[in-house]
Amino acid sequence: MMRQIKPTKEQLRMALTVFMTAAAILIFSYLLYNGKSFVRAINAFTGHLTAILCGIVIAYVLSPIQNFLEHYLIAPLYMRAGYDAFNDLRKKRVMRRISVTITMGFFVLLVYSLIAIIGPQLYMSVRTILYNLPVYTRNINRFFSHAFEENPEVQANVNLLINKISDALMDFVQEKIWPQLTNIIQIISKFALNVATGIINFFVGAIIATYLLYSKDKFCAQGKQFAYAFFSERTANEIVGECRYIHYTFIGFITGKIVDSIIIGLLCFLFTSLLKTPFPVLVSFIVGITNVIPFFGPYIGGIVGGILVFMINPLDALVFIVMVILLQQFDGNILGPKILGDSTGLTSFWVIFAIMFFGALWGLAGWVIGVPLFAVIYHGIGRWITHLLRKRALPSDTETYKDVAYFKDGRICYLHDHSNKEFNARQPASSWSRIFKFRRGTKRSGKDKSE
């Protein structure tokens, strides 16, 4: 009989590595030459799952409210009655139904309040702006006319520029807009259909969110089952731990940013009402919504709101801009750090980078989730680098490397030690130093000659 050859674990691991490498190369080659087709396919696929994605987002945002209700309101009531709701499966199910019902009721009440209270005022504000647009245009012209009364030449140049812009707009409308009127109607119809579809997906997502909130513990348990079934104990622990870190980062940033934006919107409404700023509900809504976008959001809200107020009264616009700047200083230095804390651990540069990079990829959604997503990536890369450094018995803290010139035989050679001259450790003289040294040398040589 022939002896059966059984591959060893090392051989199986090597075969799996070769297969995964070949698959990665094939996938990379396909994406390199068919990237646009792949993106269109992904967008088409996710388009059919919009309602589910919407439900996941709603459930994720509402999850802290449900946790608060269970741990701080409902469970203590059970404890007073002599029951441990978390260890009694039947009581836990009842507690989960009550918490989900209250959470979704709060969500429905919040949406209804936004539609019933803010909606009509937003509609009336926009309608008033559109109706009085000619009046606002005259106000702006009158403002610039008074500003340029003492400078007729500047006024003439400004009027000439305005006329050129008006002629260019008329030519654009006649040459581009009217011939494409049919396409524009189709685009508007498609936009209206997308809005209607979005509303439907939102309500379907709310229904899906109800089931997700009720079964979230089961989904988490199934994820842990999968990790411990297919990976070693240490690897599975690392995966579960990283998932917890991702959850803490996202939930801390998103919920904190929402609470922060609501407070800023309410404060803006309070101050604009006291200052009698035009359209206080509309501009406060814009400031609050755009405040969700990190870093750039306050500037966007201030500029958009300032333009709306400027059309009515330029002086009110100046007061509004000053008020928004002061409000954002309060938010950035006091309120934001108090609510968010150090939820991302990113410096200002990486925050700007994350917003611009993911904003270019995913638009508005990238602006909102780009910061926590990049924080997770940054954390993962940091853990990987720390692991590699410790394997080589090298220090892993960043502060140590600020003064490192190079390593030699496992010993740290520092920049402040001028005896360390290898690997360009000695900084060359700057151009200014060379210039001044050359001048001093020239003066000294001239003096020597005179002597």
Protein backbone atom coordinates (compact mmCIF):
# COMPACT_ATOMS: atom_id res chain seq x y z
CA MET A 1 0.00 0.00 0.00
CA MET A 2 1.07 3.53 -0.74
CA ARG A 3 1.70 5.65 2.29
CA GLN A 4 -0.66 8.63 2.57
CA ILE A 5 1.20 11.92 2.66
CA LYS A 6 -0.32 14.41 5.09
CA PRO A 7 0.78 18.05 4.80
CA THR A 8 2.19 19.66 7.90
CA LYS A 9 0.87 22.85 9.48
CA GLU A 10 3.81 24.81 8.10
CA GLN A 11 3.07 23.58 4.59
CA LEU A 12 -0.61 24.45 4.94
CA ARG A 13 0.30 27.90 6.29
CA MET A 14 2.71 28.44 3.40
CA ALA A 15 0.10 27.32 0.85
CA LEU A 16 -2.49 29.63 2.40
CA THR A 17 -0.01 32.53 2.35
CA VAL A 18 0.79 31.93 -1.34
CA PHE A 19 -2.91 31.73 -2.18
CA MET A 20 -3.77 34.93 -0.29
CA THR A 21 -0.83 36.76 -1.89
CA ALA A 22 -1.88 35.67 -5.39
CA ALA A 23 -5.50 36.65 -4.67
CA ALA A 24 -4.39 40.06 -3.37
CA ILE A 25 -2.29 40.64 -6.50
CA LEU A 26 -5.22 39.70 -8.77
CA ILE A 27 -7.61 41.95 -6.85
CA PHE A 28 -5.13 44.85 -6.93
CA SER A 29 -4.61 44.40 -10.68
CA TYR A 30 -8.34 44.37 -11.30
CA LEU A 31 -8.92 47.48 -9.19
CA LEU A 32 -6.00 49.23 -10.90
CA TYR A 33 -7.50 48.83 -14.36
CA ASN A 34 -11.22 48.64 -13.51
CA GLY A 35 -11.47 50.90 -10.48
CA LYS A 36 -14.36 52.99 -11.77
CA SER A 37 -16.43 49.92 -12.64
CA PHE A 38 -15.78 48.50 -9.19
CA VAL A 39 -16.85 51.76 -7.50
CA ARG A 40 -20.03 51.87 -9.59
CA ALA A 41 -20.79 48.27 -8.65
CA ILE A 42 -20.24 49.02 -4.95
CA ASN A 43 -22.47 52.11 -5.16
CA ALA A 44 -25.19 50.12 -6.92
CA PHE A 45 -24.95 47.38 -4.29
CA THR A 46 -25.04 49.77 -1.34
CA GLY A 47 -27.90 51.67 -3.00
CA HIS A 48 -30.11 48.62 -2.52
CA LEU A 49 -29.04 48.44 1.13
CA THR A 50 -29.66 52.10 1.93
CA ALA A 51 -32.55 51.36 4.27
CA ILE A 52 -30.50 48.79 6.17
CA LEU A 53 -27.52 51.15 6.43
CA CYS A 54 -29.84 53.91 7.61
CA GLY A 55 -31.26 51.55 10.24
CA ILE A 56 -27.77 50.64 11.44
CA VAL A 57 -26.84 54.33 11.80
CA ILE A 58 -30.07 55.15 13.68
CA ALA A 59 -29.65 52.19 16.01
CA TYR A 60 -26.00 53.06 16.62
CA VAL A 61 -26.81 56.66 17.54
CA LEU A 62 -29.76 55.67 19.76
CA SER A 63 -27.89 52.84 21.51
CA PRO A 64 -26.45 55.06 24.30
CA ILE A 65 -29.97 56.27 25.14
CA GLN A 66 -31.19 52.68 25.43
CA ASN A 67 -28.19 51.72 27.58
CA PHE A 68 -28.87 54.67 29.88
CA LEU A 69 -32.51 53.65 30.29
CA GLU A 70 -31.63 50.04 31.08
CA HIS A 71 -28.74 50.66 33.49
CA TYR A 72 -29.90 53.78 35.33
CA LEU A 73 -33.72 53.74 35.21
CA ILE A 74 -35.32 50.35 34.53
CA ALA A 75 -32.79 48.00 36.20
CA PRO A 76 -32.82 49.98 39.51
CA LEU A 77 -36.63 49.71 39.54
CA TYR A 78 -36.31 45.92 39.21
CA MET A 79 -33.69 45.92 41.99
CA ARG A 80 -36.11 47.73 44.31
CA ALA A 81 -38.71 45.08 43.53
CA GLY A 82 -36.19 42.36 44.41
CA TYR A 83 -35.25 41.20 40.87
CA ASP A 84 -31.89 41.16 39.09
CA ALA A 85 -33.01 42.02 35.57
CA PHE A 86 -29.60 41.39 33.98
CA ASN A 87 -29.30 37.80 35.29
CA ASP A 88 -32.96 36.86 34.87
CA LEU A 89 -33.48 36.08 31.15
CA ARG A 90 -37.23 36.67 31.24
CA LYS A 91 -36.93 39.96 33.11
CA LYS A 92 -34.10 41.01 30.80
CA ARG A 93 -36.31 40.51 27.74
CA VAL A 94 -39.07 42.58 29.30
CA MET A 95 -36.56 45.29 30.24
CA ARG A 96 -35.20 45.29 26.67
CA ARG A 97 -38.71 45.69 25.20
CA ILE A 98 -39.45 48.60 27.55
CA SER A 99 -36.14 50.35 26.82
CA VAL A 100 -36.47 49.91 23.05
CA THR A 101 -40.06 51.21 23.13
CA ILE A 102 -39.08 54.31 25.13
CA THR A 103 -35.99 54.93 22.95
CA MET A 104 -37.87 54.69 19.68
CA GLY A 105 -40.71 56.78 21.14
CA PHE A 106 -38.18 59.48 22.01
CA PHE A 107 -36.76 59.27 18.49
CA VAL A 108 -40.19 59.61 16.88
CA LEU A 109 -41.01 62.54 19.19
CA LEU A 110 -37.72 64.23 18.28
CA VAL A 111 -38.32 63.83 14.54
CA TYR A 112 -41.90 65.05 14.90
CA SER A 113 -40.73 68.10 16.90
CA LEU A 114 -38.19 68.98 14.21
CA ILE A 115 -40.83 68.69 11.49
CA ALA A 116 -43.66 70.40 13.41
CA ILE A 117 -41.73 73.22 15.11
CA ILE A 118 -38.64 73.96 13.06
CA GLY A 119 -39.99 72.86 9.66
CA PRO A 120 -42.68 75.57 9.23
CA GLN A 121 -40.32 78.30 10.46
CA LEU A 122 -37.60 77.16 8.07
CA TYR A 123 -40.15 77.13 5.25
CA MET A 124 -41.39 80.63 6.09
CA SER A 125 -37.81 81.93 6.38
CA VAL A 126 -36.81 80.54 2.98
CA ARG A 127 -40.07 81.75 1.42
CA THR A 128 -39.55 85.25 2.85
CA ILE A 129 -35.99 85.34 1.52
CA LEU A 130 -37.07 84.31 -1.97
CA TYR A 131 -40.05 86.70 -1.96
CA ASN A 132 -37.99 89.69 -0.79
CA LEU A 133 -34.90 88.91 -2.85
CA PRO A 134 -35.28 92.10 -4.98
CA VAL A 135 -35.51 94.17 -1.78
CA TYR A 136 -32.40 92.52 -0.39
CA THR A 137 -30.58 93.21 -3.66
CA ARG A 138 -31.48 96.90 -3.40
CA ASN A 139 -30.28 96.92 0.21
CA ILE A 140 -26.92 95.52 -0.85
CA ASN A 141 -26.63 98.03 -3.71
CA ARG A 142 -27.54 100.88 -1.36
CA PHE A 143 -24.94 99.69 1.15
CA PHE A 144 -22.16 99.63 -1.44
CA SER A 145 -23.31 102.95 -2.90
CA HIS A 146 -22.95 104.64 0.50
CA ALA A 147 -19.63 102.91 1.05
CA PHE A 148 -18.23 104.14 -2.27
CA GLU A 149 -19.65 107.69 -2.28
CA GLU A 150 -16.26 109.16 -1.47
CA ASN A 151 -14.51 106.94 -4.04
CA PRO A 152 -16.32 107.34 -7.37
CA GLU A 153 -13.56 105.59 -9.30
CA VAL A 154 -13.81 102.49 -7.13
CA GLN A 155 -17.60 102.57 -7.47
CA ALA A 156 -17.31 102.80 -11.25
CA ASN A 157 -14.99 99.79 -11.31
CA VAL A 158 -17.31 97.83 -9.04
CA ASN A 159 -20.33 98.70 -11.23
CA LEU A 160 -18.38 97.65 -14.30
CA LEU A 161 -17.50 94.35 -12.65
CA ILE A 162 -21.14 93.77 -11.64
CA ASN A 163 -22.31 94.48 -15.20
CA LYS A 164 -19.75 92.05 -16.59
CA ILE A 165 -20.88 89.37 -14.15
CA SER A 166 -24.54 90.02 -15.04
CA ASP A 167 -23.78 89.79 -18.78
CA ALA A 168 -21.83 86.59 -18.23
CA LEU A 169 -24.72 85.09 -16.27
CA MET A 170 -27.23 86.06 -18.97
CA ASP A 171 -25.02 84.54 -21.66
CA PHE A 172 -24.64 81.40 -19.55
CA VAL A 173 -28.42 81.10 -19.11
CA GLN A 174 -29.11 81.64 -22.83
CA GLU A 175 -26.34 79.36 -24.10
CA LYS A 176 -26.24 76.63 -21.46
CA ILE A 177 -29.44 76.59 -19.41
CA TRP A 178 -32.20 76.99 -22.02
CA PRO A 179 -30.82 74.38 -24.48
CA GLN A 180 -30.49 71.93 -21.59
CA LEU A 181 -33.94 72.66 -20.13
CA THR A 182 -35.18 69.11 -20.77
CA ASN A 183 -32.16 67.62 -19.02
CA ILE A 184 -32.56 70.05 -16.14
CA ILE A 185 -36.20 68.98 -15.69
CA GLN A 186 -35.06 65.36 -15.67
CA ILE A 187 -32.40 66.16 -13.07
CA ILE A 188 -34.95 67.97 -10.89
CA SER A 189 -37.37 65.05 -11.23
CA LYS A 190 -34.62 62.61 -10.33
CA PHE A 191 -33.71 64.75 -7.33
CA ALA A 192 -37.34 64.81 -6.16
CA LEU A 193 -37.50 61.02 -6.59
CA ASN A 194 -34.28 60.61 -4.59
CA VAL A 195 -35.72 62.81 -1.82
CA ALA A 196 -38.89 60.71 -1.71
CA THR A 197 -36.82 57.50 -1.72
CA GLY A 198 -34.65 58.92 1.06
CA ILE A 199 -37.71 59.65 3.20
CA ILE A 200 -38.99 56.11 2.66
CA ASN A 201 -35.56 54.64 3.47
CA PHE A 202 -35.45 56.74 6.62
CA PHE A 203 -38.74 55.40 7.93
CA VAL A 204 -37.89 51.83 6.92
CA GLY A 205 -34.52 52.32 8.60
CA ALA A 206 -36.30 53.39 11.81
CA ILE A 207 -38.21 50.08 11.76
CA ILE A 208 -34.98 48.14 11.17
CA ALA A 209 -33.31 50.09 13.98
CA THR A 210 -36.01 48.83 16.37
CA TYR A 211 -35.07 45.21 15.66
CA LEU A 212 -31.34 45.99 15.83
CA LEU A 213 -31.67 47.63 19.24
CA TYR A 214 -33.62 44.66 20.56
CA SER A 215 -31.11 42.07 19.23
CA LYS A 216 -27.81 43.97 19.52
CA ASP A 217 -26.49 41.70 22.31
CA LYS A 218 -27.13 38.65 20.13
CA PHE A 219 -25.30 40.20 17.17
CA CYS A 220 -22.30 41.03 19.37
CA ALA A 221 -22.28 37.46 20.75
CA GLN A 222 -22.36 36.01 17.23
CA GLY A 223 -19.42 38.20 16.25
CA LYS A 224 -17.41 36.89 19.22
CA GLN A 225 -18.37 33.32 18.28
CA PHE A 226 -17.00 33.86 14.80
CA ALA A 227 -13.73 35.35 16.11
CA TYR A 228 -13.03 32.57 18.63
CA ALA A 229 -14.05 29.86 16.14
CA PHE A 230 -11.67 30.87 13.33
CA PHE A 231 -8.71 32.44 15.19
CA SER A 232 -6.43 31.57 18.06
CA GLU A 233 -7.32 32.76 21.53
CA ARG A 234 -4.80 35.64 21.52
CA THR A 235 -5.73 36.76 18.00
CA ALA A 236 -9.44 36.58 18.79
CA ASN A 237 -8.90 38.61 21.97
CA GLU A 238 -7.03 41.24 19.93
CA ILE A 239 -9.84 41.36 17.35
CA VAL A 240 -12.56 41.72 20.01
CA GLY A 241 -10.52 44.36 21.83
CA GLU A 242 -9.96 46.38 18.66
CA CYS A 243 -13.68 46.21 17.85
CA ARG A 244 -14.40 47.60 21.32
CA TYR A 245 -11.91 50.41 20.71
CA ILE A 246 -13.55 51.21 17.36
CA HIS A 247 -16.96 51.25 19.04
CA TYR A 248 -15.81 53.51 21.89
CA THR A 249 -14.13 55.90 19.46
CA PHE A 250 -17.09 56.20 17.10
CA ILE A 251 -19.85 56.29 19.70
CA GLY A 252 -17.96 58.77 21.86
CA PHE A 253 -17.24 61.12 18.98
CA ILE A 254 -20.59 60.92 17.17
CA THR A 255 -22.86 61.18 20.22
CA GLY A 256 -20.65 63.84 21.77
CA LYS A 257 -20.65 65.85 18.54
CA ILE A 258 -24.45 65.62 18.26
CA VAL A 259 -24.94 66.82 21.85
CA ASP A 260 -22.38 69.58 21.33
CA SER A 261 -24.08 70.73 18.10
CA ILE A 262 -27.53 70.78 19.74
CA ILE A 263 -26.22 72.97 22.58
CA ILE A 264 -24.46 75.31 20.14
CA GLY A 265 -27.62 75.57 18.02
CA LEU A 266 -29.75 76.41 21.07
CA LEU A 267 -27.24 78.99 22.31
CA CYS A 268 -27.13 80.54 18.84
CA PHE A 269 -30.93 80.75 18.79
CA LEU A 270 -30.92 82.38 22.25
CA PHE A 271 -28.36 85.02 21.28
CA THR A 272 -29.85 85.74 17.85
CA SER A 273 -33.26 86.18 19.46
CA LEU A 274 -31.84 88.60 22.04
CA LEU A 275 -29.93 90.52 19.35
CA LYS A 276 -33.04 90.50 17.12
CA THR A 277 -31.08 88.99 14.24
CA PRO A 278 -33.24 88.24 11.16
CA PHE A 279 -34.37 84.61 10.77
CA PRO A 280 -33.03 83.35 14.14
CA VAL A 281 -34.43 79.82 13.66
CA LEU A 282 -32.96 79.41 10.17
CA VAL A 283 -29.47 80.70 10.96
CA SER A 284 -29.34 78.80 14.27
CA PHE A 285 -30.40 75.61 12.50
CA ILE A 286 -27.62 76.13 9.93
CA VAL A 287 -25.01 76.80 12.64
CA GLY A 288 -26.09 73.77 14.66
CA ILE A 289 -26.17 71.38 11.68
CA THR A 290 -22.82 72.46 10.25
CA ASN A 291 -21.23 72.26 13.70
CA VAL A 292 -21.40 68.46 13.34
CA ILE A 293 -18.59 68.78 10.77
CA PRO A 294 -15.30 69.01 12.70
CA PHE A 295 -13.03 72.03 12.27
CA PHE A 296 -14.56 73.46 9.07
CA GLY A 297 -18.22 73.20 10.16
CA PRO A 298 -18.36 76.37 12.31
CA TYR A 299 -16.85 78.44 9.49
CA ILE A 300 -19.31 77.03 6.95
CA GLY A 301 -22.30 77.77 9.22
CA GLY A 302 -21.04 81.25 10.05
CA ILE A 303 -20.46 82.16 6.39
CA VAL A 304 -23.82 80.82 5.15
CA GLY A 305 -25.75 82.42 8.01
CA GLY A 306 -23.80 85.67 7.61
CA ILE A 307 -24.71 85.88 3.91
CA LEU A 308 -28.41 85.41 4.68
CA VAL A 309 -28.34 88.13 7.35
CA PHE A 310 -26.19 90.42 5.15
CA MET A 311 -28.89 90.48 2.47
CA ILE A 312 -31.26 92.08 4.98
CA ASN A 313 -28.96 94.27 7.06
CA PRO A 314 -25.15 94.32 6.66
CA LEU A 315 -24.62 95.66 10.19
CA ASP A 316 -26.65 92.79 11.65
CA ALA A 317 -24.46 90.44 9.61
CA LEU A 318 -21.35 91.90 11.24
CA VAL A 319 -22.86 91.42 14.71
CA PHE A 320 -23.88 87.86 13.76
CA ILE A 321 -20.36 86.96 12.55
CA VAL A 322 -18.81 88.31 15.78
CA MET A 323 -21.37 86.35 17.81
CA VAL A 324 -20.63 83.11 15.89
CA ILE A 325 -16.86 83.59 16.36
CA LEU A 326 -17.29 84.05 20.12
CA LEU A 327 -19.67 81.09 20.26
CA GLN A 328 -17.22 78.84 18.41
CA GLN A 329 -14.38 79.95 20.68
CA PHE A 330 -16.52 78.87 23.63
CA ASP A 331 -17.26 75.60 21.87
CA GLY A 332 -13.67 74.88 20.84
CA ASN A 333 -12.03 75.74 24.16
CA ILE A 334 -14.65 74.93 26.83
CA LEU A 335 -17.76 73.05 25.69
CA GLY A 336 -16.22 70.75 23.06
CA PRO A 337 -13.34 69.43 25.24
CA LYS A 338 -15.78 69.02 28.16
CA ILE A 339 -18.17 66.83 26.11
CA LEU A 340 -15.81 65.09 23.68
CA GLY A 341 -12.67 64.95 25.82
CA ASP A 342 -9.80 63.26 23.97
CA SER A 343 -12.09 60.89 22.07
CA THR A 344 -9.86 60.72 18.98
CA GLY A 345 -6.34 61.46 20.18
CA LEU A 346 -5.52 63.27 16.92
CA THR A 347 -3.64 66.53 16.54
CA SER A 348 -5.15 69.43 14.60
CA PHE A 349 -3.13 68.56 11.49
CA TRP A 350 -4.45 64.99 11.34
CA VAL A 351 -8.01 66.23 11.96
CA ILE A 352 -7.73 68.54 8.92
CA PHE A 353 -6.13 65.75 6.88
CA ALA A 354 -8.89 63.27 7.79
CA ILE A 355 -11.66 65.74 6.91
CA MET A 356 -10.14 66.66 3.55
CA PHE A 357 -9.18 63.09 2.58
CA PHE A 358 -12.42 61.31 3.51
CA GLY A 359 -14.48 64.33 2.43
CA ALA A 360 -12.97 63.98 -1.06
CA LEU A 361 -13.87 60.27 -1.04
CA TRP A 362 -17.38 60.32 0.43
CA GLY A 363 -18.51 63.95 0.49
CA LEU A 364 -20.52 65.12 3.49
CA ALA A 365 -20.50 61.68 5.12
CA GLY A 366 -16.70 61.68 4.93
CA TRP A 367 -16.57 65.06 6.66
CA VAL A 368 -18.61 63.70 9.57
CA ILE A 369 -17.09 60.22 10.09
CA GLY A 370 -13.63 60.92 8.67
CA VAL A 371 -12.12 62.00 11.99
CA PRO A 372 -13.14 58.95 14.10
CA LEU A 373 -12.35 56.61 11.19
CA PHE A 374 -8.86 58.04 10.78
CA ALA A 375 -8.43 57.91 14.58
CA VAL A 376 -9.04 54.16 14.43
CA ILE A 377 -6.57 53.75 11.54
CA TYR A 378 -4.01 55.93 13.35
CA HIS A 379 -4.42 53.86 16.51
CA GLY A 380 -4.01 50.59 14.59
CA ILE A 381 -0.83 51.75 12.86
CA GLY A 382 0.52 52.97 16.20
CA ARG A 383 -0.09 49.57 17.83
CA TRP A 384 1.57 47.79 14.92
CA ILE A 385 4.66 50.04 15.07
CA THR A 386 4.88 49.60 18.87
CA HIS A 387 4.73 45.81 18.44
CA LEU A 388 7.56 45.83 15.86
CA LEU A 389 9.74 48.11 18.00
CA ARG A 390 9.31 45.94 21.10
CA LYS A 391 10.24 42.83 19.10
CA ARG A 392 13.54 44.58 18.30
CA ALA A 393 14.00 45.66 21.93
CA LEU A 394 13.77 49.34 20.99
CA PRO A 395 11.92 52.06 22.94
CA SER A 396 8.34 52.54 21.78
CA ASP A 397 7.46 55.95 23.25
CA THR A 398 7.45 58.85 20.80
CA GLU A 399 9.15 61.33 23.16
CA THR A 400 12.36 59.29 23.17
CA TYR A 401 12.75 59.59 19.40
CA LYS A 402 12.58 63.39 19.39
CA ASP A 403 16.26 63.57 20.36
CA VAL A 404 17.44 60.34 18.66
CA ALA A 405 20.18 60.82 16.07
CA TYR A 406 20.68 57.11 15.30
CA PHE A 407 21.10 53.71 16.94
CA LYS A 408 24.51 52.03 17.07
CA ASP A 409 24.96 48.52 18.46
CA GLY A 410 21.68 48.85 20.36
CA ARG A 411 22.77 52.14 21.95
CA ILE A 412 20.92 55.42 21.46
CA CYS A 413 22.99 58.25 20.02
CA TYR A 414 21.37 61.61 20.77
CA LEU A 415 21.24 64.78 18.69
CA HIS A 416 22.31 66.99 21.59
CA ASP A 417 25.58 65.05 21.83
CA HIS A 418 27.79 66.82 19.26
CA SER A 419 30.18 63.88 19.19
CA ASN A 420 27.59 61.89 17.24
CA LYS A 421 28.38 62.87 13.66
CA GLU A 422 27.27 59.85 11.60
CA PHE A 423 24.15 59.69 9.41
CA ASN A 424 24.05 63.49 9.01
CA ALA A 425 23.47 63.95 12.74
CA ARG A 426 25.29 67.31 12.68
CA GLN A 427 23.01 69.95 11.19
CA PRO A 428 24.81 71.95 8.48
CA ALA A 429 25.08 75.70 8.77
CA SER A 430 22.10 77.56 7.40
CA SER A 431 22.27 79.89 4.44
CA TRP A 432 21.98 82.89 6.76
CA SER A 433 24.89 81.68 8.87
CA ARG A 434 27.05 81.14 5.81
CA ILE A 435 26.19 84.60 4.48
CA PHE A 436 26.99 86.36 7.76
CA LYS A 437 30.17 84.37 8.25
CA PHE A 438 31.24 85.28 4.72
CA ARG A 439 30.59 88.96 5.42
CA ARG A 440 32.48 88.87 8.69
CA GLY A 441 35.35 87.16 6.93
CA THR A 442 35.35 89.80 4.21
CA LYS A 443 35.44 92.63 6.73
CA ARG A 444 38.21 90.93 8.68
CA SER A 445 40.30 90.38 5.54
CA GLY A 446 39.84 94.04 4.55
CA LYS A 447 41.00 95.13 7.98
CA ASP A 448 44.04 92.93 7.75
CA LYS A 449 44.93 94.42 4.38
CA SER A 450 44.64 97.97 5.71
CA GLU A 451 46.95 97.11 8.53
